[in-house]
Amino acid sequence: MAEEIEIKLALPATSRRDLLRHLLLLQATKLGTRKLSNVYFDTPDFLLHKHAIALRTRKQGRLWLQTVKCASNDDADASSVSVGGLAVRPEWEQPYSGTFDFWGIDNEKVRSLLMRPKVRNALTPLFETTFSRSTWRLAPAPDTLILLMLDQGSVQANGATEVISEVELELERGDAAHLFDIAMTLCADLPLQPALLSKAERGFRLYGGAAPSPVKATESVVRRDQTPWEAFRNIVAACLLQLQLNELGANEEDSEFIHQMRVSLRRLRAALRTFAPIVPPEFMAAAVPRIRTLAQALGRVRDHDVLVGEILAPVRKALPQEARVAALCVVMGEERQAARQQALEALASTEHAQLLLSFAALLHTPRNGAHDESISAFAAHRLAKLHKNLRKLARAAEQLDVTALHALRIGCKRLRYAIEFFAPIYRENDVQRTLAMLVTLQDSLGALNDLASAGAPLMHCAANDATLREAVTLIGGWHGPRYQALREELPGRIGVLLKMKRHWRH
């Protein structure tokens, strides 16, 4: 068995010449170009894919090879997707003579699954990939060799075709840190982005005709037997995966993709804040500004979605004949599209690519010794600190000052995410009771904040147009009773927060 460590980067086909002229390639050893044809197999019900196993045959010149890839032990879906473009997975490759041979697979679970008669006899070709691969060898440091491969071609399934244009950096020998150095260098000079999906996963999606759909955060998989660093790696990987999966639908009209990307970034920042004592300070200093920049770009889109969908739409529905509101809706729609375009540009930027790569590098770096405190002790300490800060914010917000209420809402989110991260190590009923209280208060504060902050962007949009300004005034008056009702219910909910039980103390 060999372990494959690689970074996959999507390359716009129009940038191929720029890549070939890059200094790294000019200084590298060219190993040639060859055409590769691959056929991927699975059962009709995708049993291998469900177990994160990829089986393919590859024609390489006159030879045929059989390859099996599967998830690594600490990445349950590594054969399908990668975090920040990085994939670390075991693979088994051998000559193929027309009949599958799985005896050489030294992973008993993988071998036994593939050799089940019901599985082996049901294997059928599902899709193909055909591409030309140009390969260079780089030697960035003594005893370190890296292969840079440019793949250009297509994946075909069920009569549909999707273009392949990507760069793979594969560690042949040495320190994997140099993979990230090279990737960072290339991303600084070329419009490359870490690729989420493997060719196999793209084939399965094309075969099934699956359109992207918004992806919500998954439940935490933190375990009691983990160190804080191991828990941190799992949490951050889940946040990045949610971010990248929703990025697949960023061009779609469904605003939920952007919203879930914002959620993933908020959770990512919450993870960094919660685990700050064990995160390298230099990483925090570099990553947090990049997260903030992307979050602001996505936030402008979400703010416009809220203004259009939750502030303007109810008034438009209630007053269908009101021309002033209709005119404001048109202008806001244009502003919304401009914000979406800016967000797409941020997602295609060098800063975004480097953010993803920096996290992938961090998660791939082992950290031992100083962070072996039990996860239970670490969680109790961090939750207690967040709760203490939240109580201060709650006391300050009892007078219902808008600024204090906004700070309280942020404090609720921070504690809520931290509780969700550590949820598996506590009793479920206790966790759910605490979360329900926080979510209820957070929703009230969020709705109040949306109403309180709507006036400024609406007036900005109206500019000096008297008709549009009248529409803004009308909208404010229409939402007035709801705003007042939300304020009146807050003192009771803040009181409940101040009396909340701290389940992490038990």
Protein backbone atom coordinates (compact mmCIF):
# COMPACT_ATOMS: atom_id res chain seq x y z
CA MET A 1 0.00 0.00 0.00
CA ALA A 2 1.15 3.51 -0.82
CA GLU A 3 -0.12 6.68 0.81
CA GLU A 4 -0.94 9.44 -1.63
CA ILE A 5 -0.45 13.00 -0.39
CA GLU A 6 -1.51 15.57 -2.94
CA ILE A 7 -2.96 19.03 -3.39
CA LYS A 8 -5.42 19.54 -6.23
CA LEU A 9 -5.89 23.03 -7.70
CA ALA A 10 -8.51 24.03 -10.27
CA LEU A 11 -7.00 25.96 -13.18
CA PRO A 12 -9.04 28.03 -15.67
CA ALA A 13 -8.28 26.60 -19.13
CA THR A 14 -7.43 30.12 -20.33
CA SER A 15 -4.51 30.25 -17.86
CA ARG A 16 -2.66 27.20 -19.17
CA ARG A 17 0.00 29.25 -20.97
CA ASP A 18 0.64 31.37 -17.90
CA LEU A 19 1.25 28.20 -15.88
CA LEU A 20 3.66 26.82 -18.47
CA ARG A 21 5.65 30.06 -18.35
CA HIS A 22 5.81 30.11 -14.56
CA LEU A 23 9.33 30.19 -13.10
CA LEU A 24 8.70 27.05 -11.03
CA LEU A 25 8.02 25.01 -14.16
CA LEU A 26 10.87 26.57 -16.10
CA GLN A 27 13.24 25.43 -13.33
CA ALA A 28 11.65 21.97 -12.99
CA THR A 29 12.49 18.74 -14.79
CA LYS A 30 9.96 17.97 -17.54
CA LEU A 31 8.99 14.28 -17.47
CA GLY A 32 6.75 14.30 -20.51
CA THR A 33 3.09 14.19 -21.47
CA ARG A 34 0.85 11.15 -21.78
CA LYS A 35 -2.79 10.43 -22.40
CA LEU A 36 -4.69 8.66 -19.62
CA SER A 37 -8.04 6.92 -19.97
CA ASN A 38 -9.79 5.81 -16.79
CA VAL A 39 -12.93 3.77 -16.22
CA TYR A 40 -14.56 3.94 -12.77
CA PHE A 41 -16.54 1.00 -11.42
CA ASP A 42 -19.14 0.58 -8.71
CA THR A 43 -22.27 -1.37 -7.97
CA PRO A 44 -25.61 -0.05 -9.30
CA ASP A 45 -26.46 1.21 -5.81
CA PHE A 46 -23.05 2.96 -5.41
CA LEU A 47 -21.98 0.72 -2.51
CA LEU A 48 -18.27 1.52 -2.92
CA HIS A 49 -18.93 5.23 -3.13
CA LYS A 50 -20.98 5.06 0.08
CA HIS A 51 -17.96 3.46 1.78
CA ALA A 52 -15.61 6.15 0.37
CA ILE A 53 -13.87 3.66 -1.93
CA ALA A 54 -12.94 4.43 -5.54
CA LEU A 55 -12.15 1.61 -8.00
CA ARG A 56 -10.81 2.37 -11.46
CA THR A 57 -8.91 0.88 -14.35
CA ARG A 58 -6.43 3.08 -16.22
CA LYS A 59 -4.98 2.70 -19.68
CA GLN A 60 -1.43 4.02 -19.64
CA GLY A 61 0.16 3.55 -23.04
CA ARG A 62 -0.31 -0.14 -23.81
CA LEU A 63 -0.65 -1.14 -20.18
CA TRP A 64 -3.74 -1.30 -17.97
CA LEU A 65 -3.63 -0.66 -14.24
CA GLN A 66 -6.12 -1.36 -11.47
CA THR A 67 -6.29 1.22 -8.67
CA VAL A 68 -8.22 1.23 -5.41
CA LYS A 69 -8.33 4.39 -3.30
CA CYS A 70 -10.11 4.92 -0.03
CA ALA A 71 -10.45 7.35 2.83
CA SER A 72 -7.62 7.73 5.29
CA ASN A 73 -8.27 6.67 8.87
CA ASP A 74 -8.95 10.21 10.07
CA ASP A 75 -10.95 11.46 7.08
CA ALA A 76 -14.19 9.64 6.53
CA ASP A 77 -14.70 11.03 3.06
CA ALA A 78 -11.19 11.64 1.77
CA SER A 79 -11.67 9.66 -1.41
CA SER A 80 -14.47 11.95 -2.51
CA VAL A 81 -13.59 15.42 -1.29
CA SER A 82 -10.60 17.20 0.16
CA VAL A 83 -10.22 20.09 2.55
CA GLY A 84 -8.34 23.03 1.12
CA GLY A 85 -7.39 20.91 -1.90
CA LEU A 86 -5.36 18.50 0.26
CA ALA A 87 -6.02 14.77 0.08
CA VAL A 88 -4.18 12.14 2.11
CA ARG A 89 -5.35 8.64 1.31
CA PRO A 90 -4.08 5.07 0.89
CA GLU A 91 -4.09 3.56 -2.57
CA TRP A 92 -3.31 0.17 -4.08
CA GLU A 93 -2.18 -0.03 -7.70
CA GLN A 94 -1.32 -3.13 -9.74
CA PRO A 95 -1.47 -4.42 -13.32
CA TYR A 96 -4.94 -5.17 -14.68
CA SER A 97 -5.46 -8.10 -17.04
CA GLY A 98 -9.22 -7.88 -17.51
CA THR A 99 -10.21 -9.37 -14.15
CA PHE A 100 -10.18 -7.57 -10.82
CA ASP A 101 -7.70 -8.86 -8.25
CA PHE A 102 -8.10 -7.57 -4.70
CA TRP A 103 -5.78 -9.95 -2.83
CA GLY A 104 -3.00 -7.36 -2.70
CA ILE A 105 -5.07 -4.91 -0.62
CA ASP A 106 -3.67 -5.06 2.91
CA ASN A 107 -6.62 -3.26 4.50
CA GLU A 108 -8.84 -6.12 5.60
CA LYS A 109 -12.09 -4.12 5.71
CA VAL A 110 -11.58 -2.74 2.20
CA ARG A 111 -10.48 -6.11 0.80
CA SER A 112 -13.35 -8.05 2.35
CA LEU A 113 -15.93 -5.57 1.03
CA LEU A 114 -14.55 -5.72 -2.50
CA MET A 115 -14.35 -9.52 -2.47
CA ARG A 116 -17.93 -10.13 -1.39
CA PRO A 117 -19.52 -12.11 -4.23
CA LYS A 118 -22.56 -9.82 -4.29
CA VAL A 119 -20.26 -6.82 -4.66
CA ARG A 120 -17.67 -8.28 -7.01
CA ASN A 121 -20.27 -9.72 -9.36
CA ALA A 122 -22.23 -6.47 -9.45
CA LEU A 123 -19.32 -4.19 -10.39
CA THR A 124 -20.09 -2.25 -13.53
CA PRO A 125 -18.46 0.70 -15.36
CA LEU A 126 -20.23 3.97 -14.55
CA PHE A 127 -18.18 6.76 -16.08
CA GLU A 128 -14.87 7.59 -17.74
CA THR A 129 -12.23 10.28 -17.55
CA THR A 130 -9.92 11.03 -20.44
CA PHE A 131 -7.18 13.61 -20.15
CA SER A 132 -3.62 14.45 -21.10
CA ARG A 133 -1.19 14.68 -18.19
CA SER A 134 1.98 16.74 -18.39
CA THR A 135 4.35 16.07 -15.52
CA TRP A 136 7.28 17.96 -14.00
CA ARG A 137 9.48 17.04 -11.04
CA LEU A 138 10.46 19.73 -8.55
CA ALA A 139 13.16 19.49 -5.90
CA PRO A 140 12.36 22.36 -3.48
CA ALA A 141 14.70 21.06 -0.77
CA PRO A 142 17.25 18.29 -0.17
CA ASP A 143 15.57 14.88 0.04
CA THR A 144 12.24 16.33 -1.12
CA LEU A 145 10.74 15.61 -4.54
CA ILE A 146 7.34 16.80 -5.72
CA LEU A 147 5.50 15.97 -8.92
CA LEU A 148 3.52 18.75 -10.58
CA MET A 149 0.91 17.40 -12.99
CA LEU A 150 -1.25 19.41 -15.37
CA ASP A 151 -4.40 17.46 -16.30
CA GLN A 152 -6.58 18.63 -19.16
CA GLY A 153 -9.47 16.67 -20.61
CA SER A 154 -12.98 15.66 -19.59
CA VAL A 155 -15.14 13.35 -17.50
CA GLN A 156 -18.02 11.63 -19.33
CA ALA A 157 -21.09 10.01 -17.81
CA ASN A 158 -24.56 9.22 -19.19
CA GLY A 159 -23.89 11.23 -22.32
CA ALA A 160 -22.89 14.33 -20.32
CA THR A 161 -19.40 15.86 -20.32
CA GLU A 162 -17.56 18.09 -17.87
CA VAL A 163 -14.19 19.74 -18.48
CA ILE A 164 -11.12 18.75 -16.46
CA SER A 165 -8.47 21.45 -16.04
CA GLU A 166 -6.45 21.12 -12.87
CA VAL A 167 -3.00 21.03 -11.35
CA GLU A 168 -1.99 18.27 -8.94
CA LEU A 169 0.98 18.53 -6.62
CA GLU A 170 1.96 15.12 -5.32
CA LEU A 171 4.59 14.41 -2.69
CA GLU A 172 6.98 11.87 -4.14
CA ARG A 173 9.41 12.01 -1.24
CA GLY A 174 10.21 14.25 1.71
CA ASP A 175 8.43 16.91 3.78
CA ALA A 176 4.79 17.65 2.88
CA ALA A 177 5.23 21.26 4.05
CA HIS A 178 6.90 21.98 0.71
CA LEU A 179 3.67 20.99 -1.07
CA PHE A 180 1.95 23.94 0.55
CA ASP A 181 4.84 26.30 -0.16
CA ILE A 182 4.66 25.49 -3.86
CA ALA A 183 0.88 25.70 -3.90
CA MET A 184 0.99 29.10 -2.19
CA THR A 185 3.55 30.35 -4.72
CA LEU A 186 1.44 29.23 -7.67
CA CYS A 187 -1.77 30.65 -6.21
CA ALA A 188 -0.10 34.01 -5.67
CA ASP A 189 0.69 34.28 -9.39
CA LEU A 190 -2.14 32.36 -11.09
CA PRO A 191 -5.95 32.16 -10.74
CA LEU A 192 -5.81 28.76 -9.06
CA GLN A 193 -8.27 27.60 -6.40
CA PRO A 194 -8.07 24.51 -4.16
CA ALA A 195 -10.32 21.88 -5.74
CA LEU A 196 -12.86 20.22 -3.50
CA LEU A 197 -13.96 17.25 -5.62
CA SER A 198 -11.84 14.43 -6.95
CA LYS A 199 -12.31 13.30 -10.55
CA ALA A 200 -14.17 10.29 -9.17
CA GLU A 201 -16.61 12.44 -7.19
CA ARG A 202 -17.18 14.68 -10.20
CA GLY A 203 -17.95 11.57 -12.24
CA PHE A 204 -20.46 10.27 -9.70
CA ARG A 205 -22.21 13.64 -9.57
CA LEU A 206 -22.32 13.86 -13.34
CA TYR A 207 -23.58 10.27 -13.60
CA GLY A 208 -26.42 10.98 -11.19
CA GLY A 209 -27.20 14.39 -12.65
CA ALA A 210 -26.97 15.82 -9.15
CA ALA A 211 -27.23 19.59 -8.85
CA PRO A 212 -25.52 21.24 -5.86
CA SER A 213 -27.72 21.87 -2.86
CA PRO A 214 -27.09 24.03 0.24
CA VAL A 215 -25.22 22.17 2.97
CA LYS A 216 -25.78 22.87 6.65
CA ALA A 217 -23.27 22.29 9.42
CA THR A 218 -22.96 18.68 10.52
CA GLU A 219 -23.06 17.52 14.11
CA SER A 220 -19.76 17.57 15.96
CA VAL A 221 -17.75 14.34 16.02
CA VAL A 222 -15.53 15.33 18.96
CA ARG A 223 -14.79 12.34 21.22
CA ARG A 224 -13.87 12.11 24.88
CA ASP A 225 -10.64 10.27 24.06
CA GLN A 226 -9.33 13.07 21.83
CA THR A 227 -6.84 15.75 22.72
CA PRO A 228 -7.93 19.36 22.22
CA TRP A 229 -5.76 19.55 19.08
CA GLU A 230 -7.40 16.46 17.57
CA ALA A 231 -10.83 17.91 18.34
CA PHE A 232 -9.81 21.23 16.80
CA ARG A 233 -8.68 19.52 13.59
CA ASN A 234 -12.01 17.71 13.23
CA ILE A 235 -14.07 20.83 13.89
CA VAL A 236 -12.11 23.04 11.49
CA ALA A 237 -12.16 20.37 8.77
CA ALA A 238 -15.96 20.22 9.06
CA CYS A 239 -16.22 24.01 8.82
CA LEU A 240 -14.03 24.13 5.72
CA LEU A 241 -15.94 21.28 4.12
CA GLN A 242 -19.23 23.11 4.65
CA LEU A 243 -17.69 26.26 3.17
CA GLN A 244 -16.40 24.53 0.04
CA LEU A 245 -19.50 22.41 -0.55
CA ASN A 246 -21.66 25.52 -0.54
CA GLU A 247 -19.16 27.29 -2.74
CA LEU A 248 -20.13 24.79 -5.46
CA GLY A 249 -23.51 26.56 -5.61
CA ALA A 250 -22.30 30.12 -5.21
CA ASN A 251 -23.44 30.98 -8.74
CA GLU A 252 -26.95 29.65 -8.11
CA GLU A 253 -29.86 32.00 -7.42
CA ASP A 254 -30.68 30.19 -4.18
CA SER A 255 -29.45 32.59 -1.48
CA GLU A 256 -29.10 29.72 1.00
CA PHE A 257 -25.68 28.81 -0.46
CA ILE A 258 -24.28 32.21 0.53
CA HIS A 259 -25.99 32.04 3.91
CA GLN A 260 -24.49 28.63 4.70
CA MET A 261 -21.06 29.86 3.63
CA ARG A 262 -21.43 32.69 6.14
CA VAL A 263 -22.44 30.17 8.79
CA SER A 264 -19.34 28.09 8.05
CA LEU A 265 -17.10 31.16 8.38
CA ARG A 266 -18.74 32.16 11.65
CA ARG A 267 -18.21 28.65 12.96
CA LEU A 268 -14.62 28.72 11.72
CA ARG A 269 -13.91 31.96 13.58
CA ALA A 270 -15.67 30.56 16.64
CA ALA A 271 -13.45 27.47 16.48
CA LEU A 272 -10.32 29.62 16.32
CA ARG A 273 -11.54 31.70 19.24
CA THR A 274 -12.58 28.67 21.31
CA PHE A 275 -9.28 26.85 20.73
CA ALA A 276 -7.12 30.00 20.77
CA PRO A 277 -4.81 28.70 23.56
CA ILE A 278 -3.54 25.92 21.28
CA VAL A 279 -3.58 27.66 17.88
CA PRO A 280 -0.24 29.16 16.77
CA PRO A 281 -0.50 32.97 17.23
CA GLU A 282 1.16 33.63 13.88
CA PHE A 283 -1.51 31.55 12.16
CA MET A 284 -4.28 33.47 13.91
CA ALA A 285 -2.73 36.77 12.88
CA ALA A 286 -2.68 35.73 9.21
CA ALA A 287 -5.97 33.81 8.99
CA VAL A 288 -8.43 35.97 10.91
CA PRO A 289 -8.16 39.05 8.62
CA ARG A 290 -8.69 36.84 5.55
CA ILE A 291 -11.74 35.22 7.12
CA ARG A 292 -13.08 38.65 8.06
CA THR A 293 -12.62 39.98 4.51
CA LEU A 294 -14.45 37.05 2.93
CA ALA A 295 -17.16 37.16 5.59
CA GLN A 296 -17.76 40.85 4.87
CA ALA A 297 -18.16 40.18 1.14
CA LEU A 298 -20.61 37.34 1.78
CA GLY A 299 -22.29 39.37 4.52
CA ARG A 300 -23.20 42.15 2.10
CA VAL A 301 -25.03 39.60 -0.03
CA ARG A 302 -26.84 38.17 2.98
CA ASP A 303 -27.76 41.66 4.20
CA HIS A 304 -29.35 42.43 0.84
CA ASP A 305 -31.15 39.07 0.88
CA VAL A 306 -32.61 39.93 4.29
CA LEU A 307 -33.61 43.43 3.18
CA VAL A 308 -35.32 42.13 0.05
CA GLY A 309 -36.82 38.94 1.46
CA GLU A 310 -37.70 39.86 5.05
CA ILE A 311 -38.03 43.64 5.14
CA LEU A 312 -39.33 44.64 1.70
CA ALA A 313 -41.23 41.51 0.62
CA PRO A 314 -43.81 41.48 3.46
CA VAL A 315 -44.64 45.14 2.83
CA ARG A 316 -44.81 44.57 -0.93
CA LYS A 317 -47.23 41.69 -0.35
CA ALA A 318 -49.37 43.66 2.11
CA LEU A 319 -49.46 46.77 -0.10
CA PRO A 320 -49.40 45.46 -3.70
CA GLN A 321 -50.62 48.77 -5.16
CA GLU A 322 -47.94 50.86 -3.44
CA ALA A 323 -45.75 52.06 -6.35
CA ARG A 324 -43.13 53.65 -4.08
CA VAL A 325 -42.34 50.33 -2.41
CA ALA A 326 -42.29 48.56 -5.79
CA ALA A 327 -39.76 51.08 -7.10
CA LEU A 328 -37.54 50.60 -4.05
CA CYS A 329 -37.67 46.82 -4.57
CA VAL A 330 -36.32 47.26 -8.11
CA VAL A 331 -33.39 49.39 -6.95
CA MET A 332 -32.61 47.01 -4.08
CA GLY A 333 -32.63 44.08 -6.52
CA GLU A 334 -29.92 45.78 -8.56
CA GLU A 335 -27.88 46.46 -5.43
CA ARG A 336 -28.28 42.82 -4.46
CA GLN A 337 -26.89 41.60 -7.80
CA ALA A 338 -23.89 43.93 -7.48
CA ALA A 339 -23.16 42.52 -4.01
CA ARG A 340 -23.36 38.96 -5.36
CA GLN A 341 -20.84 39.77 -8.08
CA GLN A 342 -18.43 41.20 -5.51
CA ALA A 343 -18.80 38.05 -3.42
CA LEU A 344 -18.01 35.82 -6.42
CA GLU A 345 -14.89 37.89 -7.08
CA ALA A 346 -13.82 37.42 -3.45
CA LEU A 347 -14.27 33.64 -3.80
CA ALA A 348 -12.08 33.64 -6.91
CA SER A 349 -9.36 35.75 -5.30
CA THR A 350 -5.82 34.84 -4.36
CA GLU A 351 -6.62 35.61 -0.73
CA HIS A 352 -9.37 32.98 -0.64
CA ALA A 353 -7.12 30.33 -2.20
CA GLN A 354 -4.36 31.07 0.28
CA LEU A 355 -6.82 30.99 3.19
CA LEU A 356 -7.92 27.46 2.28
CA LEU A 357 -4.35 26.29 1.74
CA SER A 358 -3.17 27.77 5.03
CA PHE A 359 -5.85 25.85 6.93
CA ALA A 360 -5.03 22.64 5.07
CA ALA A 361 -1.37 23.09 6.02
CA LEU A 362 -2.27 23.75 9.65
CA LEU A 363 -4.46 20.65 9.88
CA HIS A 364 -1.76 18.51 8.30
CA THR A 365 0.83 19.62 10.85
CA PRO A 366 1.11 17.31 13.88
CA ARG A 367 1.23 19.02 17.26
CA ASN A 368 2.21 16.99 20.27
CA GLY A 369 3.21 17.36 23.89
CA ALA A 370 1.90 20.69 25.10
CA HIS A 371 -1.72 20.06 24.11
CA ASP A 372 -2.49 16.69 25.66
CA GLU A 373 -4.92 18.08 28.25
CA SER A 374 -8.17 16.11 28.33
CA ILE A 375 -10.88 17.47 26.07
CA SER A 376 -13.30 17.54 29.01
CA ALA A 377 -11.07 19.81 31.09
CA PHE A 378 -10.30 22.02 28.12
CA ALA A 379 -13.98 22.32 27.15
CA ALA A 380 -15.11 23.15 30.68
CA HIS A 381 -12.54 25.93 30.95
CA ARG A 382 -13.36 27.49 27.57
CA LEU A 383 -17.13 27.26 28.02
CA ALA A 384 -16.88 28.83 31.47
CA LYS A 385 -14.95 31.77 30.05
CA LEU A 386 -17.44 32.32 27.22
CA HIS A 387 -20.36 32.07 29.64
CA LYS A 388 -18.81 34.60 32.02
CA ASN A 389 -18.40 37.06 29.16
CA LEU A 390 -21.97 36.43 28.00
CA ARG A 391 -23.35 37.23 31.46
CA LYS A 392 -21.53 40.58 31.39
CA LEU A 393 -23.04 41.32 27.99
CA ALA A 394 -26.49 40.31 29.22
CA ARG A 395 -26.25 42.66 32.20
CA ALA A 396 -25.18 45.48 29.90
CA ALA A 397 -28.09 44.78 27.54
CA GLU A 398 -30.83 44.88 30.19
CA GLN A 399 -31.49 48.54 29.32
CA LEU A 400 -32.16 47.42 25.69
CA ASP A 401 -29.56 49.72 24.17
CA VAL A 402 -29.18 48.80 20.48
CA THR A 403 -25.39 48.55 20.61
CA ALA A 404 -25.47 46.39 23.75
CA LEU A 405 -28.11 44.12 22.23
CA HIS A 406 -25.95 43.64 19.14
CA ALA A 407 -22.98 42.68 21.34
CA LEU A 408 -25.20 40.26 23.27
CA ARG A 409 -26.28 38.58 20.03
CA ILE A 410 -22.64 38.01 19.06
CA GLY A 411 -21.89 36.65 22.53
CA CYS A 412 -24.82 34.21 22.23
CA LYS A 413 -23.46 32.93 18.91
CA ARG A 414 -19.99 32.39 20.31
CA LEU A 415 -21.19 30.38 23.28
CA ARG A 416 -23.70 28.47 21.17
CA TYR A 417 -21.09 27.37 18.62
CA ALA A 418 -18.68 26.33 21.36
CA ILE A 419 -21.40 24.27 23.03
CA GLU A 420 -22.18 22.62 19.68
CA PHE A 421 -18.48 21.81 19.16
CA PHE A 422 -18.21 20.06 22.52
CA ALA A 423 -21.74 18.60 22.55
CA PRO A 424 -20.76 14.90 22.21
CA ILE A 425 -18.90 14.87 25.54
CA TYR A 426 -21.96 15.99 27.56
CA ARG A 427 -25.42 14.62 28.21
CA GLU A 428 -27.60 15.26 25.17
CA ASN A 429 -30.64 16.52 27.10
CA ASP A 430 -28.56 19.09 28.98
CA VAL A 431 -26.93 20.32 25.78
CA GLN A 432 -30.21 20.58 23.89
CA ARG A 433 -31.88 22.50 26.71
CA THR A 434 -29.05 25.04 26.77
CA LEU A 435 -28.95 25.38 23.00
CA ALA A 436 -32.73 25.85 22.74
CA MET A 437 -32.56 28.77 25.16
CA LEU A 438 -29.63 30.38 23.32
CA VAL A 439 -31.22 29.89 19.88
CA THR A 440 -34.50 31.46 21.03
CA LEU A 441 -32.72 34.53 22.38
CA GLN A 442 -30.40 34.74 19.38
CA ASP A 443 -33.34 34.60 16.94
CA SER A 444 -35.12 37.42 18.76
CA LEU A 445 -31.97 39.52 18.84
CA GLY A 446 -31.30 38.75 15.16
CA ALA A 447 -34.78 39.79 14.06
CA LEU A 448 -34.53 42.97 16.14
CA ASN A 449 -31.10 43.74 14.67
CA ASP A 450 -32.37 43.23 11.11
CA LEU A 451 -35.16 45.73 11.71
CA ALA A 452 -32.97 48.23 13.57
CA SER A 453 -30.23 48.21 10.94
CA ALA A 454 -32.47 48.19 7.84
CA GLY A 455 -32.99 51.95 7.74
CA ALA A 456 -29.42 52.98 6.88
CA PRO A 457 -28.89 50.73 3.81
CA LEU A 458 -32.40 51.45 2.55
CA MET A 459 -31.80 55.19 2.80
CA HIS A 460 -28.43 54.75 1.08
CA CYS A 461 -30.20 52.94 -1.71
CA ALA A 462 -32.88 55.63 -1.93
CA ALA A 463 -30.18 58.33 -2.16
CA ASN A 464 -31.81 61.69 -2.95
CA ASP A 465 -34.91 60.26 -4.57
CA ALA A 466 -37.84 61.68 -2.57
CA THR A 467 -40.21 58.91 -3.69
CA LEU A 468 -37.86 56.17 -2.55
CA ARG A 469 -37.24 57.94 0.76
CA GLU A 470 -40.98 58.02 1.33
CA ALA A 471 -41.01 54.27 0.70
CA VAL A 472 -38.35 53.74 3.37
CA THR A 473 -40.41 55.74 5.88
CA LEU A 474 -43.49 53.72 4.98
CA ILE A 475 -41.63 50.44 5.43
CA GLY A 476 -40.28 51.54 8.82
CA GLY A 477 -43.77 52.38 10.02
CA TRP A 478 -45.20 49.09 8.76
CA HIS A 479 -42.59 47.07 10.74
CA GLY A 480 -42.89 49.29 13.82
CA PRO A 481 -45.32 47.09 15.80
CA ARG A 482 -43.19 43.99 15.27
CA TYR A 483 -40.07 45.86 16.34
CA GLN A 484 -41.80 46.99 19.53
CA ALA A 485 -43.07 43.49 20.29
CA LEU A 486 -39.57 42.06 19.96
CA ARG A 487 -38.19 44.64 22.37
CA GLU A 488 -40.89 43.92 24.92
CA GLU A 489 -40.14 40.19 25.03
CA LEU A 490 -36.39 40.62 25.43
CA PRO A 491 -36.17 41.37 29.18
CA GLY A 492 -37.76 38.02 30.01
CA ARG A 493 -35.47 36.11 27.68
CA ILE A 494 -32.39 37.88 29.00
CA GLY A 495 -33.55 36.92 32.49
CA VAL A 496 -33.74 33.27 31.44
CA LEU A 497 -30.20 33.52 30.07
CA LEU A 498 -28.88 34.87 33.36
CA LYS A 499 -30.35 31.86 35.18
CA MET A 500 -29.15 29.21 32.72
CA LYS A 501 -27.62 26.04 34.11
CA ARG A 502 -24.00 25.35 33.19
CA HIS A 503 -24.05 21.71 32.12
CA TRP A 504 -20.28 21.65 31.59
CA ARG A 505 -19.71 21.91 35.34
CA HIS A 506 -20.99 18.37 35.90
